[in-house]
Structures are given as C-alpha cells and as structure tokens.
Amino acid sequence: MSKKFTPTPHDALFKQFLSEKETAKDFFEIWLPDEIKALCDFTTMQVESGSFIDEKMKAYQNDILYSLRTQKGKAYLYILIEAQSTRDKLSAWRLMRYSMSAMQKHLDAGNKTLPLVFPVLFYMGKKSPYSYSTHWLDCFEDRALAERIYTQPFRLADVTTLDDGEIMKHRRMALLELVQKHIRRRDMSELLNEIVDILSYNEYTDNQVMTMMNYLIQEGNATNPMQFITEIAKKSEKHEEALMTMAQALREEGIQKGMQKGMQKGMQEGMKKGKLEGKLEGIQEGIQEGIQKGRQEGEKQAYMKIARQLLESGMGRQSVRQITGLSETEMKSLFQDSP
C-alpha cells in the first residue's frame, strides 16, 4: 500500500508567507545570487499556479513559482522555491523536473524560446546541515559521464546527409535508413534494386519487411505499388511469400474499391430508370438492378486493372488468368480499353 502525503502546517506556513510578493522580494534579496538579481525586474513579479506539476507529483508538491520579466527586454525568468523538511538524495532531480515542467508550460502559452528557471531549495528539517548535493547531475551513478552527455550538443543522426553507398553498409539499419532518406524525395520504385540488395542480406524478419512495405504504400509515391511489391517479391526468396500475401491484400482492396464505384454508378442508373417508369416499385426494382449491375461491373473492372498490373510486372499470361478469372476475350481487351 502506497504512503499518502498530506499537507503539513509547515507547508501551509511556507506558502502563506512566500505567496506574498513583498515577502518573496525579501527572500530573493537574501538568497538569489547577484547575477540573477541583476536580471530581474521585480515590478513584474507574478505568482504562478502550481498546475504545471503533473497529477502524480502534486502529492509531493510544496513549491512557489514566480514569473517575472528580465531587465533585458521580453525574456522571462521563473524562480521556483521548493520547501523540504526531510533530506532527499534525489531532491535536485525533482527540482530539475519541476523546472522543465515550468519551461514546458511557458512554451504551451505560445512562447517560442525557453525561459530561465532558477530553482531554490528551502530546507527546514531536523538534521542540519542539508547533506545531499543540490546539483542534479550528482543524482547519476556516473556523474562524469552524465555531465559529458548533458552539457554537450546531443548526437544528430541525420540520414539525409548519408551517401547511399554508405547506407548500404549499415546491415540491419540499411533498409530503414535508405527508405527514410528518400521517402519524401523520390519515387520509391527507383530504389527497387537497392531494396532487393538489402533484403538479400537475409537480416530482416517478415514482420519488419511487411511493415516497411506498408509504410512505403502509405507514405511513399510509387506509381504502381502492387507492381513494386510484386517485383520485390520475385527477387526476394526469403520474403516472397509474405510480400505476395501483401500483394494479394492490395488486389482485394482494389476489387472492393472497384465494386463500390460500380455499385454507386449502378444505383444512380437504377434510380434514373425507376423514375422514368414513374412508380415506387419501379424505382426499387431499378435500384436493385443497378446495384447488381454495378457490383458485377465494378468487380470486373477491378480484376482487369489488377490483371494489367500483373502483366506489366512480368507475370505470365496464364497465371494472370488463373488469378483474376478473366476470359481470353477480356484478357485481349486489357490494353485496348482503360478499365
């Protein structure tokens, strides 16, 4: 069972005093370093609500946050005062976390740059003096390494600047990096050979490949996604079955879209026919007839479109007939009429 933290008389007393601006000014005069005091325009002081602390942390909260403008113009400075009656080895991290929450609240208000937040720990515990470090980097097991990480620019992995040849050497990262580099710049069909070469390393799972192909279909700009995937499947033995399954799903999606389009057209024609007959029964019959006609026409058109794509991708004529169920006459008309 978790321990409950409730407000104490110490907390109420602290907030009552430090929430008064004139009292807070005296506090700042005593405890703030000269460099920070020189920045402050104390005439602009405002008490901020503690709502920037997330719900899970409110139970631990005993702080006062002041905002004020600086002497250098429109910049903002926040002074965060945290009261604490017991020593806490991670108190410096909590102050840093509260400070970052205040920064985020400042950004959420529409500001474009981070404000300075100067935290102060007000201690009034039994044990004296306060024995733990107030530098948040001391909360890490390896202070030296943490300092190197958090006092230097973060590492940038900019794949847009990498040469394709270099990317091809990156083994299990090659496929992700290559696609992410070019997804907004090129027709993905132009990268077919490179993708096939990368898949030949046999270092990817079917799930990874399927997810990547799905991403290429949704975000890429391949002119013929089905042909694109079919070509990769034919040249990628390990993933052929998975990719052909995806191609089949695309085919079925094309059928559904074709049927919907055909049914919509058929309903419109059926209603028109029924209205010409001038009877309710005629309208109903016309709609039903139109739906049936549209379904058949839509399915046929979808299958013909798929057959054309399969033939263009290099699949044999007989195999295409078996997959789509088209007649020889319909096969002959594929490149004569547009579906």
Protein backbone atom coordinates (compact mmCIF):
# COMPACT_ATOMS: atom_id res chain seq x y z
CA MET A 1 0.00 0.00 0.00
CA SER A 2 1.47 3.35 -1.01
CA LYS A 3 2.17 6.00 1.60
CA LYS A 4 -0.06 9.08 1.43
CA PHE A 5 1.45 12.55 1.63
CA THR A 6 -0.80 15.23 3.10
CA PRO A 7 -0.15 18.94 3.66
CA THR A 8 1.52 19.84 6.96
CA PRO A 9 1.48 23.05 9.00
CA HIS A 10 5.00 23.68 7.68
CA ASP A 11 3.67 23.64 4.12
CA ALA A 12 0.79 26.00 4.85
CA LEU A 13 3.07 28.43 6.68
CA PHE A 14 5.61 28.40 3.86
CA LYS A 15 3.02 29.07 1.17
CA GLN A 16 1.27 31.76 3.18
CA PHE A 17 4.48 33.75 3.57
CA LEU A 18 6.11 33.22 0.17
CA SER A 19 2.90 33.84 -1.78
CA GLU A 20 3.06 37.48 -0.67
CA LYS A 21 5.09 39.43 -3.25
CA GLU A 22 6.81 41.77 -0.78
CA THR A 23 7.88 38.85 1.39
CA ALA A 24 9.10 36.99 -1.68
CA LYS A 25 11.15 40.02 -2.72
CA ASP A 26 12.95 39.97 0.62
CA PHE A 27 13.55 36.24 0.18
CA PHE A 28 15.04 36.82 -3.26
CA GLU A 29 17.22 39.64 -1.98
CA ILE A 30 18.71 37.27 0.62
CA TRP A 31 19.05 34.04 -1.32
CA LEU A 32 19.42 34.80 -5.03
CA PRO A 33 22.93 35.25 -6.47
CA ASP A 34 23.80 38.75 -7.64
CA GLU A 35 23.90 37.68 -11.30
CA ILE A 36 20.27 36.54 -11.16
CA LYS A 37 19.08 39.54 -9.13
CA ALA A 38 20.64 41.84 -11.72
CA LEU A 39 18.43 40.25 -14.40
CA CYS A 40 15.17 40.60 -12.51
CA ASP A 41 12.56 43.28 -12.99
CA PHE A 42 10.84 42.76 -9.64
CA THR A 43 7.99 45.13 -10.56
CA THR A 44 6.66 42.46 -12.94
CA MET A 45 6.54 39.61 -10.40
CA GLN A 46 3.54 37.31 -10.67
CA VAL A 47 2.69 34.19 -8.64
CA GLU A 48 2.09 31.27 -11.00
CA SER A 49 -0.24 28.39 -10.16
CA GLY A 50 1.25 25.01 -9.40
CA SER A 51 -0.73 23.42 -12.23
CA PHE A 52 2.44 22.76 -14.19
CA ILE A 53 3.15 19.86 -11.83
CA ASP A 54 1.63 16.66 -13.20
CA GLU A 55 -1.08 14.86 -11.26
CA LYS A 56 1.21 12.13 -9.92
CA MET A 57 3.60 14.70 -8.48
CA LYS A 58 1.04 17.01 -6.88
CA ALA A 59 1.03 14.94 -3.69
CA TYR A 60 4.70 15.79 -3.21
CA GLN A 61 4.37 19.40 -4.23
CA ASN A 62 5.22 22.19 -1.81
CA ASP A 63 6.52 24.93 -4.02
CA ILE A 64 6.01 28.51 -5.10
CA LEU A 65 6.64 29.65 -8.67
CA TYR A 66 7.15 33.29 -9.60
CA SER A 67 7.40 34.65 -13.12
CA LEU A 68 8.92 38.00 -13.98
CA ARG A 69 10.41 39.83 -16.89
CA THR A 70 14.11 40.44 -17.13
CA GLN A 71 15.94 43.72 -17.45
CA LYS A 72 16.97 42.69 -20.97
CA GLY A 73 13.55 43.03 -22.55
CA LYS A 74 10.83 40.46 -23.22
CA ALA A 75 12.69 37.46 -21.81
CA TYR A 76 11.10 35.67 -18.88
CA LEU A 77 12.66 34.35 -15.70
CA TYR A 78 10.95 31.95 -13.32
CA ILE A 79 12.01 31.47 -9.72
CA LEU A 80 10.97 28.14 -8.25
CA ILE A 81 11.09 27.72 -4.46
CA GLU A 82 10.70 24.19 -3.11
CA ALA A 83 10.23 23.68 0.65
CA GLN A 84 11.53 20.47 2.18
CA SER A 85 11.56 19.26 5.79
CA THR A 86 13.33 15.95 5.16
CA ARG A 87 16.53 15.26 3.28
CA ASP A 88 16.20 13.60 -0.11
CA LYS A 89 19.06 12.29 -2.20
CA LEU A 90 17.08 12.97 -5.42
CA SER A 91 15.75 16.40 -4.48
CA ALA A 92 17.99 18.06 -7.08
CA TRP A 93 16.42 15.91 -9.80
CA ARG A 94 12.92 16.79 -8.59
CA LEU A 95 13.78 20.48 -8.80
CA MET A 96 15.10 19.95 -12.31
CA ARG A 97 11.93 18.11 -13.26
CA TYR A 98 9.75 20.90 -11.87
CA SER A 99 11.88 23.44 -13.71
CA MET A 100 11.41 21.64 -17.01
CA SER A 101 7.66 21.45 -16.39
CA ALA A 102 7.63 25.23 -15.90
CA MET A 103 9.55 25.63 -19.16
CA GLN A 104 7.00 23.47 -20.97
CA LYS A 105 4.12 25.50 -19.56
CA HIS A 106 5.85 28.63 -20.85
CA LEU A 107 6.06 27.10 -24.35
CA ASP A 108 2.44 25.92 -24.19
CA ALA A 109 1.44 29.54 -23.63
CA GLY A 110 2.73 30.34 -27.12
CA ASN A 111 6.28 31.47 -26.38
CA LYS A 112 8.97 30.37 -28.83
CA THR A 113 12.07 30.17 -26.62
CA LEU A 114 12.77 28.57 -23.26
CA PRO A 115 12.72 30.77 -20.18
CA LEU A 116 15.30 30.64 -17.44
CA VAL A 117 14.02 28.83 -14.38
CA PHE A 118 16.08 29.35 -11.24
CA PRO A 119 15.27 26.75 -8.56
CA VAL A 120 15.82 27.28 -4.83
CA LEU A 121 15.53 24.56 -2.19
CA PHE A 122 14.23 25.91 1.14
CA TYR A 123 15.19 23.40 3.87
CA MET A 124 13.90 23.40 7.48
CA GLY A 125 14.47 19.83 8.64
CA LYS A 126 15.66 18.44 11.99
CA LYS A 127 19.03 17.28 10.69
CA SER A 128 21.45 20.07 9.92
CA PRO A 129 23.04 20.94 7.65
CA TYR A 130 21.41 19.63 4.48
CA SER A 131 23.80 16.91 3.40
CA TYR A 132 22.84 15.98 -0.16
CA SER A 133 24.08 17.67 -3.32
CA THR A 134 21.81 20.22 -4.97
CA HIS A 135 23.38 19.59 -8.39
CA TRP A 136 21.10 17.34 -10.40
CA LEU A 137 23.99 15.63 -12.19
CA ASP A 138 25.04 14.17 -8.84
CA CYS A 139 21.85 12.11 -8.93
CA PHE A 140 23.50 9.86 -11.54
CA GLU A 141 25.62 6.86 -10.67
CA ASP A 142 28.32 8.10 -13.06
CA ARG A 143 28.43 11.88 -12.65
CA ALA A 144 31.30 12.37 -15.11
CA LEU A 145 29.54 10.54 -17.96
CA ALA A 146 26.24 12.30 -17.25
CA GLU A 147 27.99 15.65 -17.40
CA ARG A 148 29.54 14.83 -20.77
CA ILE A 149 26.13 13.81 -22.15
CA TYR A 150 24.05 16.68 -20.82
CA THR A 151 26.45 19.58 -21.21
CA GLN A 152 27.23 18.95 -24.88
CA PRO A 153 25.08 19.04 -28.05
CA PHE A 154 23.05 15.87 -28.48
CA ARG A 155 24.09 13.39 -31.15
CA LEU A 156 22.38 14.00 -34.51
CA ALA A 157 21.66 11.02 -36.75
CA ASP A 158 20.87 12.88 -40.00
CA VAL A 159 20.24 10.17 -42.61
CA THR A 160 19.53 12.81 -45.26
CA THR A 161 23.25 13.60 -45.43
CA LEU A 162 24.46 10.00 -45.79
CA ASP A 163 25.66 8.62 -49.12
CA ASP A 164 23.56 5.69 -50.35
CA GLY A 165 26.69 3.59 -50.67
CA GLU A 166 27.49 4.20 -47.01
CA ILE A 167 23.95 3.32 -46.00
CA MET A 168 24.19 0.01 -47.84
CA LYS A 169 26.97 -0.99 -45.40
CA HIS A 170 24.82 -0.45 -42.32
CA ARG A 171 23.44 -4.01 -42.26
CA ARG A 172 20.19 -4.21 -40.28
CA MET A 173 19.75 -0.43 -40.33
CA ALA A 174 20.28 -0.10 -44.09
CA LEU A 175 16.66 -0.63 -45.16
CA LEU A 176 15.24 1.82 -42.61
CA GLU A 177 17.86 4.49 -43.34
CA LEU A 178 17.61 4.23 -47.13
CA VAL A 179 13.83 4.47 -47.17
CA GLN A 180 13.69 7.28 -44.61
CA LYS A 181 16.29 9.25 -46.56
CA HIS A 182 14.34 9.16 -49.82
CA ILE A 183 10.67 8.74 -48.80
CA ARG A 184 9.85 12.42 -49.37
CA ARG A 185 12.21 12.97 -52.28
CA ARG A 186 11.98 10.17 -54.82
CA ASP A 187 9.65 7.65 -56.42
CA MET A 188 10.35 4.55 -54.34
CA SER A 189 10.27 2.44 -57.50
CA GLU A 190 13.65 3.97 -58.36
CA LEU A 191 15.13 2.26 -55.30
CA LEU A 192 13.86 -1.21 -56.18
CA ASN A 193 17.30 -2.67 -56.89
CA GLU A 194 18.81 -1.23 -53.73
CA ILE A 195 15.93 -2.59 -51.63
CA VAL A 196 16.28 -6.03 -53.20
CA ASP A 197 20.03 -5.98 -52.50
CA ILE A 198 19.45 -5.05 -48.86
CA LEU A 199 16.84 -7.80 -48.43
CA SER A 200 19.33 -10.29 -49.86
CA TYR A 201 21.33 -9.88 -46.64
CA ASN A 202 18.59 -12.02 -45.02
CA GLU A 203 18.82 -10.00 -41.82
CA TYR A 204 15.19 -8.87 -41.59
CA THR A 205 12.08 -10.59 -40.26
CA ASP A 206 8.92 -10.90 -42.31
CA ASN A 207 7.20 -8.52 -39.90
CA GLN A 208 9.86 -5.87 -40.48
CA VAL A 209 9.60 -6.22 -44.25
CA MET A 210 5.80 -6.18 -44.23
CA THR A 211 5.75 -3.12 -42.01
CA MET A 212 8.22 -1.37 -44.31
CA MET A 213 6.20 -2.20 -47.44
CA ASN A 214 3.03 -0.98 -45.77
CA TYR A 215 4.83 2.25 -44.89
CA LEU A 216 6.02 2.65 -48.49
CA ILE A 217 2.45 2.21 -49.76
CA GLN A 218 1.02 4.76 -47.32
CA GLU A 219 3.77 7.38 -47.32
CA GLY A 220 5.75 6.73 -50.49
CA ASN A 221 4.98 7.80 -54.03
CA ALA A 222 5.50 4.64 -56.07
CA THR A 223 3.42 4.98 -59.23
CA ASN A 224 2.30 1.35 -59.08
CA PRO A 225 2.51 -0.07 -55.53
CA MET A 226 1.29 -3.53 -56.47
CA GLN A 227 3.85 -3.89 -59.25
CA PHE A 228 6.53 -2.51 -56.93
CA ILE A 229 5.84 -5.13 -54.26
CA THR A 230 5.45 -7.93 -56.79
CA GLU A 231 8.86 -7.12 -58.29
CA ILE A 232 10.49 -7.18 -54.87
CA ALA A 233 8.75 -10.46 -54.04
CA LYS A 234 10.00 -12.12 -57.23
CA LYS A 235 13.59 -11.18 -56.39
CA SER A 236 13.49 -11.79 -52.64
CA GLU A 237 13.26 -15.52 -51.99
CA LYS A 238 13.16 -15.29 -48.20
CA HIS A 239 10.27 -12.82 -48.11
CA GLU A 240 8.45 -13.85 -51.29
CA GLU A 241 5.50 -15.49 -49.54
CA ALA A 242 4.92 -12.57 -47.15
CA LEU A 243 5.16 -10.00 -49.93
CA MET A 244 2.85 -11.91 -52.23
CA THR A 245 0.35 -12.04 -49.37
CA MET A 246 0.52 -8.27 -49.20
CA ALA A 247 0.09 -8.02 -52.97
CA GLN A 248 -3.00 -10.22 -52.65
CA ALA A 249 -4.37 -7.87 -50.00
CA LEU A 250 -3.82 -4.94 -52.36
CA ARG A 251 -5.61 -6.85 -55.08
CA GLU A 252 -8.62 -7.45 -52.84
CA GLU A 253 -8.63 -3.81 -51.81
CA GLY A 254 -8.71 -2.87 -55.49
CA ILE A 255 -11.67 -5.19 -56.02
CA GLN A 256 -13.58 -3.61 -53.15
CA LYS A 257 -12.96 -0.11 -54.45
CA GLY A 258 -13.99 -1.16 -57.93
CA MET A 259 -17.16 -2.78 -56.63
CA GLN A 260 -18.07 0.28 -54.58
CA LYS A 261 -17.55 2.55 -57.55
CA GLY A 262 -19.57 0.28 -59.80
CA MET A 263 -22.41 -0.12 -57.27
CA GLN A 264 -22.66 3.63 -56.82
CA LYS A 265 -22.88 4.11 -60.56
CA GLY A 266 -25.40 1.28 -60.86
CA MET A 267 -27.65 2.72 -58.14
CA GLN A 268 -27.70 6.07 -59.88
CA GLU A 269 -28.66 4.42 -63.16
CA GLY A 270 -31.27 2.28 -61.43
CA MET A 271 -32.92 5.25 -59.74
CA LYS A 272 -32.98 7.13 -63.03
CA LYS A 273 -34.64 4.18 -64.73
CA GLY A 274 -37.21 3.83 -61.95
CA LYS A 275 -38.13 7.50 -62.04
CA LEU A 276 -38.74 7.26 -65.78
CA GLU A 277 -41.23 4.46 -65.13
CA GLY A 278 -42.90 6.73 -62.56
CA LYS A 279 -43.66 4.08 -59.95
CA LEU A 280 -42.26 3.36 -56.47
CA GLU A 281 -41.96 -0.31 -57.40
CA GLY A 282 -40.09 0.69 -60.50
CA ILE A 283 -37.64 2.80 -58.52
CA GLN A 284 -37.00 -0.05 -56.09
CA GLU A 285 -36.52 -2.56 -58.89
CA GLY A 286 -34.30 -0.12 -60.72
CA ILE A 287 -32.09 0.36 -57.66
CA GLN A 288 -31.75 -3.38 -57.09
CA GLU A 289 -30.96 -3.95 -60.74
CA GLY A 290 -28.45 -1.11 -60.65
CA ILE A 291 -26.73 -2.47 -57.53
CA GLN A 292 -26.38 -5.92 -59.10
CA LYS A 293 -25.13 -4.50 -62.36
CA GLY A 294 -22.76 -2.15 -60.58
CA ARG A 295 -21.36 -4.92 -58.40
CA GLN A 296 -20.63 -7.07 -61.43
CA GLU A 297 -19.21 -4.20 -63.44
CA GLY A 298 -17.08 -2.94 -60.51
CA GLU A 299 -15.65 -6.37 -59.82
CA LYS A 300 -14.86 -6.90 -63.47
CA GLN A 301 -13.13 -3.53 -63.80
CA ALA A 302 -11.10 -4.16 -60.64
CA TYR A 303 -9.95 -7.57 -61.89
CA MET A 304 -8.99 -6.11 -65.26
CA LYS A 305 -6.93 -3.38 -63.60
CA ILE A 306 -5.15 -5.95 -61.45
CA ALA A 307 -4.52 -8.21 -64.45
CA ARG A 308 -2.94 -5.33 -66.35
CA GLN A 309 -0.61 -4.56 -63.42
CA LEU A 310 0.39 -8.21 -63.06
CA LEU A 311 1.18 -8.49 -66.76
CA GLU A 312 3.22 -5.27 -66.63
CA SER A 313 5.18 -6.67 -63.71
CA GLY A 314 6.20 -9.70 -65.78
CA MET A 315 3.79 -12.40 -64.60
CA GLY A 316 2.80 -14.99 -67.18
CA ARG A 317 -0.48 -14.60 -69.07
CA GLN A 318 -1.89 -17.95 -67.99
CA SER A 319 -1.08 -17.28 -64.33
CA VAL A 320 -2.83 -13.93 -64.55
CA ARG A 321 -5.93 -15.58 -66.00
CA GLN A 322 -6.00 -18.09 -63.16
CA ILE A 323 -5.65 -15.41 -60.51
CA THR A 324 -8.22 -12.97 -61.92
CA GLY A 325 -10.66 -15.38 -63.60
CA LEU A 326 -10.83 -13.22 -66.74
CA SER A 327 -11.79 -14.74 -70.05
CA GLU A 328 -9.43 -14.80 -73.04
CA THR A 329 -11.53 -12.12 -74.72
CA GLU A 330 -11.26 -9.92 -71.65
CA MET A 331 -7.52 -10.54 -71.49
CA LYS A 332 -7.15 -9.42 -75.10
CA SER A 333 -9.03 -6.20 -74.36
CA LEU A 334 -6.78 -5.23 -71.44
CA PHE A 335 -4.53 -2.91 -73.43
CA GLN A 336 -7.23 -1.75 -75.79
CA ASP A 337 -9.62 -0.21 -73.28
CA SER A 338 -8.94 1.51 -69.99
CA PRO A 339 -10.78 -0.05 -67.04
